[in-house]
N, C-alpha and C. Protein backbone atom coordinates (compact mmCIF):
# COMPACT_ATOMS: atom_id res chain seq x y z
N MET A 1 46.49 1.93 -43.46
CA MET A 1 46.18 0.52 -43.25
C MET A 1 45.77 0.29 -41.80
N GLU A 2 44.69 -0.43 -41.60
CA GLU A 2 44.16 -0.67 -40.25
C GLU A 2 44.96 -1.77 -39.55
N GLU A 3 45.15 -1.60 -38.23
CA GLU A 3 45.85 -2.61 -37.43
C GLU A 3 45.02 -3.88 -37.37
N PRO A 4 45.67 -5.03 -37.30
CA PRO A 4 44.91 -6.27 -37.09
C PRO A 4 44.15 -6.17 -35.77
N THR A 5 42.98 -6.79 -35.71
CA THR A 5 42.10 -6.69 -34.55
C THR A 5 42.80 -7.05 -33.25
N GLY A 6 43.56 -8.12 -33.22
CA GLY A 6 44.24 -8.54 -31.99
C GLY A 6 45.17 -7.48 -31.47
N ASN A 7 45.94 -6.86 -32.36
CA ASN A 7 46.87 -5.82 -31.94
C ASN A 7 46.14 -4.59 -31.43
N ALA A 8 45.09 -4.18 -32.09
CA ALA A 8 44.33 -3.01 -31.67
C ALA A 8 43.65 -3.28 -30.32
N LEU A 9 43.15 -4.48 -30.15
CA LEU A 9 42.51 -4.85 -28.89
C LEU A 9 43.54 -4.86 -27.77
N GLN A 10 44.69 -5.46 -28.02
CA GLN A 10 45.76 -5.49 -27.02
C GLN A 10 46.21 -4.06 -26.68
N HIS A 11 46.28 -3.21 -27.69
CA HIS A 11 46.68 -1.81 -27.46
C HIS A 11 45.68 -1.09 -26.55
N TYR A 12 44.39 -1.40 -26.69
CA TYR A 12 43.37 -0.78 -25.83
C TYR A 12 43.69 -1.06 -24.36
N TYR A 13 44.06 -2.29 -24.06
CA TYR A 13 44.39 -2.65 -22.69
C TYR A 13 45.70 -2.00 -22.25
N GLU A 14 46.70 -2.09 -23.09
CA GLU A 14 48.04 -1.62 -22.73
C GLU A 14 48.15 -0.12 -22.53
N LYS A 15 47.30 0.65 -23.16
CA LYS A 15 47.37 2.11 -23.03
C LYS A 15 46.77 2.63 -21.72
N GLN A 16 46.11 1.76 -20.96
CA GLN A 16 45.46 2.17 -19.71
C GLN A 16 46.47 2.26 -18.56
N GLU A 17 46.12 3.02 -17.53
CA GLU A 17 46.93 3.06 -16.31
C GLU A 17 46.93 1.65 -15.70
N THR A 18 47.94 1.37 -14.89
CA THR A 18 48.13 0.02 -14.35
C THR A 18 46.90 -0.53 -13.63
N ALA A 19 46.30 0.24 -12.73
CA ALA A 19 45.15 -0.26 -11.96
C ALA A 19 43.97 -0.55 -12.88
N ILE A 20 43.75 0.32 -13.85
CA ILE A 20 42.64 0.12 -14.79
C ILE A 20 42.93 -1.09 -15.68
N ARG A 21 44.14 -1.19 -16.18
CA ARG A 21 44.52 -2.31 -17.05
C ARG A 21 44.35 -3.64 -16.31
N ASP A 22 44.84 -3.70 -15.08
CA ASP A 22 44.72 -4.94 -14.30
C ASP A 22 43.26 -5.32 -14.07
N CYS A 23 42.43 -4.32 -13.80
CA CYS A 23 41.00 -4.56 -13.59
C CYS A 23 40.34 -5.01 -14.89
N LEU A 24 40.71 -4.40 -16.01
CA LEU A 24 40.16 -4.81 -17.30
C LEU A 24 40.51 -6.27 -17.61
N PHE A 25 41.77 -6.64 -17.36
CA PHE A 25 42.17 -8.03 -17.59
C PHE A 25 41.39 -8.99 -16.69
N ALA A 26 41.15 -8.59 -15.45
CA ALA A 26 40.36 -9.43 -14.54
C ALA A 26 38.92 -9.56 -15.05
N LEU A 27 38.34 -8.45 -15.49
CA LEU A 27 36.97 -8.49 -16.01
C LEU A 27 36.88 -9.33 -17.29
N LYS A 28 37.88 -9.23 -18.13
CA LYS A 28 37.93 -10.06 -19.34
C LYS A 28 37.95 -11.54 -18.95
N SER A 29 38.78 -11.89 -17.99
CA SER A 29 38.88 -13.27 -17.54
C SER A 29 37.57 -13.76 -16.93
N ILE A 30 36.96 -12.93 -16.11
CA ILE A 30 35.67 -13.28 -15.49
C ILE A 30 34.63 -13.54 -16.56
N THR A 31 34.55 -12.65 -17.53
CA THR A 31 33.55 -12.77 -18.59
C THR A 31 33.76 -14.04 -19.41
N LEU A 32 35.00 -14.29 -19.81
CA LEU A 32 35.29 -15.47 -20.63
C LEU A 32 35.07 -16.77 -19.86
N SER A 33 35.14 -16.72 -18.53
CA SER A 33 34.95 -17.92 -17.72
C SER A 33 33.48 -18.34 -17.61
N VAL A 34 32.57 -17.47 -18.01
CA VAL A 34 31.14 -17.77 -17.88
C VAL A 34 30.71 -18.89 -18.82
N ASP A 35 31.24 -18.88 -20.06
CA ASP A 35 30.85 -19.89 -21.04
C ASP A 35 31.93 -20.01 -22.10
N LYS A 36 32.19 -21.23 -22.55
CA LYS A 36 33.25 -21.46 -23.54
C LYS A 36 32.91 -20.88 -24.90
N ASN A 37 31.65 -20.54 -25.15
CA ASN A 37 31.23 -19.99 -26.44
C ASN A 37 31.32 -18.47 -26.52
N ILE A 38 31.81 -17.82 -25.47
CA ILE A 38 31.97 -16.37 -25.49
C ILE A 38 33.24 -16.04 -26.26
N ILE A 39 33.10 -15.11 -27.18
CA ILE A 39 34.23 -14.67 -28.02
C ILE A 39 34.59 -13.24 -27.65
N HIS A 40 35.87 -13.00 -27.50
CA HIS A 40 36.41 -11.68 -27.15
C HIS A 40 36.94 -11.05 -28.43
N LYS A 41 36.46 -9.85 -28.77
CA LYS A 41 36.94 -9.18 -29.97
C LYS A 41 36.83 -7.67 -29.82
N ARG A 42 37.31 -6.98 -30.80
CA ARG A 42 37.24 -5.52 -30.82
C ARG A 42 36.04 -5.12 -31.67
N LYS A 43 35.18 -4.31 -31.09
CA LYS A 43 34.00 -3.82 -31.79
C LYS A 43 33.72 -2.43 -31.26
N TYR A 44 33.42 -1.49 -32.13
CA TYR A 44 33.20 -0.10 -31.72
C TYR A 44 34.43 0.47 -30.99
N GLN A 45 35.61 0.01 -31.36
CA GLN A 45 36.89 0.47 -30.82
C GLN A 45 37.15 0.04 -29.37
N ILE A 46 36.34 -0.85 -28.81
CA ILE A 46 36.51 -1.28 -27.42
C ILE A 46 36.45 -2.82 -27.33
N PRO A 47 36.90 -3.38 -26.19
CA PRO A 47 36.75 -4.83 -26.00
C PRO A 47 35.27 -5.20 -25.92
N PHE A 48 34.90 -6.18 -26.73
CA PHE A 48 33.50 -6.58 -26.86
C PHE A 48 33.41 -8.09 -26.75
N PHE A 49 32.31 -8.57 -26.25
CA PHE A 49 32.09 -10.00 -26.09
C PHE A 49 30.82 -10.41 -26.82
N CYS A 50 30.91 -11.52 -27.53
CA CYS A 50 29.75 -12.06 -28.24
C CYS A 50 29.54 -13.51 -27.81
N TYR A 51 28.29 -13.92 -27.87
CA TYR A 51 27.93 -15.31 -27.58
C TYR A 51 27.20 -15.83 -28.80
N LYS A 52 27.80 -16.83 -29.44
CA LYS A 52 27.28 -17.33 -30.71
C LYS A 52 27.15 -16.14 -31.65
N GLU A 53 25.96 -15.88 -32.20
CA GLU A 53 25.82 -14.74 -33.12
C GLU A 53 25.25 -13.49 -32.42
N PHE A 54 25.20 -13.50 -31.09
CA PHE A 54 24.58 -12.42 -30.34
C PHE A 54 25.61 -11.52 -29.65
N ASN A 55 25.30 -10.22 -29.57
CA ASN A 55 26.10 -9.31 -28.77
C ASN A 55 25.82 -9.62 -27.30
N LEU A 56 26.88 -9.62 -26.48
CA LEU A 56 26.72 -10.00 -25.08
C LEU A 56 27.13 -8.87 -24.13
N GLY A 57 28.29 -8.26 -24.36
CA GLY A 57 28.73 -7.22 -23.44
C GLY A 57 30.01 -6.56 -23.91
N PHE A 58 30.46 -5.58 -23.12
CA PHE A 58 31.66 -4.84 -23.47
C PHE A 58 32.32 -4.28 -22.22
N LEU A 59 33.56 -3.83 -22.38
CA LEU A 59 34.31 -3.12 -21.35
C LEU A 59 34.67 -1.75 -21.92
N TRP A 60 34.44 -0.71 -21.14
CA TRP A 60 34.71 0.64 -21.63
C TRP A 60 35.27 1.47 -20.49
N VAL A 61 36.36 2.17 -20.74
CA VAL A 61 36.95 3.06 -19.74
C VAL A 61 36.44 4.46 -20.01
N HIS A 62 35.85 5.06 -18.97
CA HIS A 62 35.30 6.41 -19.08
C HIS A 62 35.62 7.17 -17.80
N LYS A 63 36.44 8.20 -17.92
CA LYS A 63 36.82 9.05 -16.78
C LYS A 63 37.38 8.24 -15.60
N LYS A 64 38.34 7.39 -15.88
CA LYS A 64 39.02 6.56 -14.88
C LYS A 64 38.11 5.57 -14.17
N LYS A 65 36.94 5.36 -14.72
CA LYS A 65 36.03 4.33 -14.23
C LYS A 65 35.83 3.34 -15.37
N ILE A 66 35.55 2.12 -15.00
CA ILE A 66 35.31 1.08 -16.00
C ILE A 66 33.81 0.79 -16.03
N LEU A 67 33.28 0.75 -17.23
CA LEU A 67 31.89 0.36 -17.39
C LEU A 67 31.85 -1.03 -18.01
N VAL A 68 31.11 -1.92 -17.37
CA VAL A 68 30.83 -3.22 -17.94
C VAL A 68 29.44 -3.10 -18.52
N GLY A 69 29.33 -3.35 -19.82
CA GLY A 69 28.03 -3.26 -20.48
C GLY A 69 27.46 -4.63 -20.71
N PHE A 70 26.19 -4.77 -20.41
CA PHE A 70 25.45 -6.01 -20.66
C PHE A 70 24.47 -5.71 -21.78
N VAL A 71 24.60 -6.42 -22.89
CA VAL A 71 23.84 -6.11 -24.10
C VAL A 71 22.78 -7.18 -24.35
N GLU A 72 21.54 -6.73 -24.43
CA GLU A 72 20.46 -7.62 -24.87
C GLU A 72 20.31 -7.38 -26.36
N ASP A 73 20.75 -8.33 -27.14
CA ASP A 73 20.82 -8.19 -28.60
C ASP A 73 19.44 -7.99 -29.20
N LYS A 74 19.36 -7.09 -30.16
CA LYS A 74 18.09 -6.80 -30.82
C LYS A 74 17.54 -8.00 -31.58
N LYS A 75 18.38 -9.00 -31.86
CA LYS A 75 17.93 -10.18 -32.59
C LYS A 75 16.91 -11.01 -31.80
N ILE A 76 16.85 -10.81 -30.48
CA ILE A 76 15.90 -11.61 -29.70
C ILE A 76 14.57 -10.90 -29.48
N LEU A 77 14.46 -9.67 -30.01
CA LEU A 77 13.21 -8.94 -29.86
C LEU A 77 12.11 -9.59 -30.69
N SER A 78 10.92 -9.48 -30.23
CA SER A 78 9.76 -10.03 -30.92
C SER A 78 9.60 -9.37 -32.28
N GLU A 79 9.09 -10.13 -33.23
CA GLU A 79 8.81 -9.59 -34.57
C GLU A 79 7.72 -8.53 -34.50
N LYS A 80 6.93 -8.52 -33.43
CA LYS A 80 5.84 -7.57 -33.30
C LYS A 80 6.29 -6.24 -32.71
N SER A 81 7.58 -6.11 -32.42
CA SER A 81 8.10 -4.85 -31.89
C SER A 81 7.92 -3.76 -32.94
N TYR A 82 7.52 -2.60 -32.47
CA TYR A 82 7.33 -1.49 -33.39
C TYR A 82 8.52 -0.56 -33.34
N GLY A 83 8.73 0.13 -34.43
CA GLY A 83 9.85 1.06 -34.48
C GLY A 83 11.14 0.34 -34.83
N ARG A 84 12.21 1.08 -34.73
CA ARG A 84 13.52 0.55 -35.08
C ARG A 84 14.05 -0.32 -33.94
N LYS A 85 14.50 -1.51 -34.28
CA LYS A 85 15.06 -2.40 -33.27
C LYS A 85 16.46 -1.95 -32.91
N LYS A 86 16.74 -1.89 -31.62
CA LYS A 86 18.06 -1.52 -31.13
C LYS A 86 18.44 -2.44 -29.98
N ASP A 87 19.75 -2.69 -29.84
CA ASP A 87 20.22 -3.44 -28.69
C ASP A 87 19.88 -2.66 -27.42
N SER A 88 19.55 -3.37 -26.38
CA SER A 88 19.31 -2.77 -25.07
C SER A 88 20.58 -2.95 -24.25
N VAL A 89 21.06 -1.88 -23.64
CA VAL A 89 22.31 -1.92 -22.90
C VAL A 89 22.10 -1.45 -21.46
N VAL A 90 22.61 -2.23 -20.53
CA VAL A 90 22.65 -1.85 -19.12
C VAL A 90 24.12 -1.85 -18.73
N THR A 91 24.55 -0.80 -18.02
CA THR A 91 25.96 -0.73 -17.63
C THR A 91 26.11 -0.80 -16.12
N MET A 92 27.26 -1.30 -15.73
CA MET A 92 27.63 -1.36 -14.32
C MET A 92 28.99 -0.67 -14.19
N GLU A 93 29.07 0.30 -13.31
CA GLU A 93 30.33 1.01 -13.10
C GLU A 93 31.21 0.24 -12.11
N ILE A 94 32.46 0.07 -12.49
CA ILE A 94 33.42 -0.66 -11.67
C ILE A 94 34.54 0.28 -11.27
N ASP A 95 34.81 0.39 -9.98
CA ASP A 95 35.95 1.16 -9.49
C ASP A 95 37.16 0.23 -9.55
N PRO A 96 38.18 0.59 -10.33
CA PRO A 96 39.33 -0.31 -10.47
C PRO A 96 40.12 -0.53 -9.19
N LEU A 97 39.87 0.29 -8.16
CA LEU A 97 40.59 0.15 -6.90
C LEU A 97 39.76 -0.57 -5.84
N ALA A 98 38.57 -1.01 -6.21
CA ALA A 98 37.69 -1.71 -5.26
C ALA A 98 37.52 -3.16 -5.70
N ASP A 99 36.90 -3.95 -4.84
CA ASP A 99 36.63 -5.35 -5.17
C ASP A 99 35.64 -5.43 -6.34
N ILE A 100 35.86 -6.38 -7.20
CA ILE A 100 34.99 -6.59 -8.35
C ILE A 100 33.83 -7.49 -7.92
N PRO A 101 32.58 -7.09 -8.22
CA PRO A 101 31.43 -7.93 -7.87
C PRO A 101 31.31 -9.10 -8.86
N ILE A 102 32.16 -10.07 -8.70
CA ILE A 102 32.30 -11.18 -9.66
C ILE A 102 30.98 -11.90 -9.89
N GLU A 103 30.31 -12.28 -8.82
CA GLU A 103 29.07 -13.07 -8.97
C GLU A 103 27.97 -12.28 -9.66
N VAL A 104 27.87 -10.99 -9.39
CA VAL A 104 26.86 -10.16 -10.05
C VAL A 104 27.12 -10.10 -11.55
N ILE A 105 28.37 -9.90 -11.92
CA ILE A 105 28.74 -9.84 -13.33
C ILE A 105 28.45 -11.17 -14.01
N LYS A 106 28.89 -12.26 -13.41
CA LYS A 106 28.64 -13.58 -13.99
C LYS A 106 27.15 -13.85 -14.14
N GLN A 107 26.38 -13.52 -13.12
CA GLN A 107 24.93 -13.77 -13.16
C GLN A 107 24.26 -12.98 -14.28
N ASN A 108 24.67 -11.74 -14.49
CA ASN A 108 24.10 -10.94 -15.58
C ASN A 108 24.39 -11.58 -16.94
N PHE A 109 25.62 -12.06 -17.12
CA PHE A 109 25.95 -12.72 -18.39
C PHE A 109 25.21 -14.04 -18.54
N VAL A 110 25.08 -14.80 -17.47
CA VAL A 110 24.35 -16.07 -17.52
C VAL A 110 22.89 -15.83 -17.91
N GLN A 111 22.26 -14.81 -17.36
CA GLN A 111 20.87 -14.50 -17.71
C GLN A 111 20.73 -14.18 -19.19
N LEU A 112 21.68 -13.39 -19.72
CA LEU A 112 21.63 -13.07 -21.15
C LEU A 112 21.83 -14.33 -22.00
N ILE A 113 22.78 -15.15 -21.63
CA ILE A 113 23.05 -16.39 -22.38
C ILE A 113 21.83 -17.30 -22.34
N ASN A 114 21.16 -17.39 -21.21
CA ASN A 114 19.94 -18.20 -21.12
C ASN A 114 18.86 -17.69 -22.07
N LYS A 115 18.71 -16.38 -22.16
CA LYS A 115 17.74 -15.80 -23.11
C LYS A 115 18.12 -16.17 -24.54
N TYR A 116 19.40 -16.04 -24.85
CA TYR A 116 19.85 -16.33 -26.21
C TYR A 116 19.66 -17.81 -26.55
N ASN A 117 19.87 -18.67 -25.58
CA ASN A 117 19.69 -20.11 -25.84
C ASN A 117 18.22 -20.46 -26.10
N LEU A 118 17.31 -19.68 -25.56
CA LEU A 118 15.88 -19.93 -25.78
C LEU A 118 15.47 -19.62 -27.21
N VAL A 119 16.14 -18.66 -27.85
CA VAL A 119 15.75 -18.27 -29.21
C VAL A 119 16.63 -18.87 -30.30
N SER A 120 17.74 -19.48 -29.93
CA SER A 120 18.62 -20.02 -30.98
C SER A 120 18.39 -21.49 -31.20
């Protein structure tokens, strides 16, 4: 039987080392503060953020570094795009022991949300 999403998501955070966990919680808070319509959930086994019906971003721990992913959802691609549509992902590496570039992260999410608002 699969764990409820909230418990599995909470477990993802709790299993991390203290510095990484604290940084993840800060990044979660920063992301959710950008817009009240951002939803935090578990997707692909990691913390994921959605805006309305669009993929927005994720947090992923890889080799003691945190990656913040910014997702440009394939739903906003032009109908004239050829080939298989895929989400476009750009990642930013965050050192959990360094200052978090809050404004850069917020600005990236705001730009994505603005794109999504143009097509919805």
